[in-house]
Amino acid sequence: MVDLDLPDLLRGTAILSVVGLCLVVAGVAVVAVVAEAYQTWTWYFRMEQAISAGTPIALGFTGLAIVSSFGLVYAAGD
């Protein structure tokens, strides 16, 4: 059994949330690059859909990264 203490758990949460945020932003960026390459209204609409779907996910990952980072700083002081 793996024994995880609070700093290890918070560090892992911070890393995973930053990686998830980067993946969401990269996914939206790929759709935006393709939309600019094709320059059709269909692809521009898909870009808008990707942005509207990715924004709440990115905000969630950002919030999780901030909370876990503050928690990690707090736990490091103990």
Protein backbone atom coordinates (compact mmCIF):
# COMPACT_ATOMS: atom_id res chain seq x y z
CA MET A 1 0.00 0.00 0.00
CA VAL A 2 1.26 3.45 -0.90
CA ASP A 3 1.34 5.94 1.94
CA LEU A 4 0.68 9.44 0.58
CA ASP A 5 0.94 12.42 2.83
CA LEU A 6 -0.78 15.75 2.18
CA PRO A 7 2.11 17.51 0.35
CA ASP A 8 2.49 14.58 -2.07
CA LEU A 9 -1.23 14.55 -2.76
CA LEU A 10 -1.35 18.31 -3.31
CA ARG A 11 1.75 18.22 -5.53
CA GLY A 12 0.20 15.52 -7.69
CA THR A 13 -3.08 17.40 -7.90
CA ALA A 14 -1.29 20.61 -8.92
CA ILE A 15 0.73 18.83 -11.60
CA LEU A 16 -2.26 16.98 -13.02
CA SER A 17 -4.39 20.12 -13.13
CA VAL A 18 -1.68 22.09 -14.96
CA VAL A 19 -1.20 19.24 -17.45
CA GLY A 20 -4.98 19.04 -17.97
CA LEU A 21 -5.13 22.80 -18.50
CA CYS A 22 -2.35 22.62 -21.10
CA LEU A 23 -4.13 19.80 -22.93
CA VAL A 24 -7.42 21.71 -23.05
CA VAL A 25 -5.73 24.86 -24.34
CA ALA A 26 -3.77 22.83 -26.91
CA GLY A 27 -6.95 21.12 -28.10
CA VAL A 28 -8.74 24.43 -28.62
CA ALA A 29 -5.65 25.82 -30.34
CA VAL A 30 -5.57 22.92 -32.79
CA VAL A 31 -9.18 23.57 -33.76
CA ALA A 32 -8.42 27.29 -34.14
CA VAL A 33 -5.39 26.61 -36.37
CA VAL A 34 -7.42 24.28 -38.58
CA ALA A 35 -10.22 26.86 -38.76
CA GLU A 36 -7.75 29.50 -39.89
CA ALA A 37 -6.28 27.10 -42.43
CA TYR A 38 -9.64 26.29 -44.05
CA GLN A 39 -11.25 29.72 -43.50
CA THR A 40 -14.80 28.46 -43.82
CA TRP A 41 -17.77 29.33 -41.69
CA THR A 42 -18.16 25.68 -40.71
CA TRP A 43 -14.68 25.58 -39.19
CA TYR A 44 -15.13 28.97 -37.54
CA PHE A 45 -18.31 27.62 -35.95
CA ARG A 46 -16.40 24.55 -34.77
CA MET A 47 -13.77 26.85 -33.29
CA GLU A 48 -16.47 28.74 -31.38
CA GLN A 49 -17.89 25.45 -30.13
CA ALA A 50 -14.45 24.30 -29.00
CA ILE A 51 -13.88 27.58 -27.16
CA SER A 52 -17.28 27.47 -25.47
CA ALA A 53 -16.78 23.83 -24.44
CA GLY A 54 -13.18 24.30 -23.32
CA THR A 55 -13.63 27.45 -21.26
CA PRO A 56 -15.45 25.88 -18.26
CA ILE A 57 -13.04 22.95 -18.26
CA ALA A 58 -10.04 25.29 -18.36
CA LEU A 59 -11.50 27.39 -15.54
CA GLY A 60 -11.99 24.24 -13.45
CA PHE A 61 -8.40 23.14 -14.02
CA THR A 62 -7.16 26.65 -13.24
CA GLY A 63 -9.11 26.79 -10.00
CA LEU A 64 -7.87 23.35 -8.99
CA ALA A 65 -4.28 24.34 -9.76
CA ILE A 66 -4.57 27.52 -7.67
CA VAL A 67 -6.21 25.78 -4.70
CA SER A 68 -3.76 22.89 -4.70
CA SER A 69 -0.79 25.24 -5.09
CA PHE A 70 -1.91 27.33 -2.12
CA GLY A 71 -2.50 24.13 -0.17
CA LEU A 72 0.97 22.90 -1.08
CA VAL A 73 2.54 26.15 0.13
CA TYR A 74 0.53 25.92 3.35
CA ALA A 75 1.48 22.26 3.89
CA ALA A 76 5.15 22.99 3.21
CA GLY A 77 5.21 25.35 6.18
CA ASP A 78 4.40 22.52 8.61
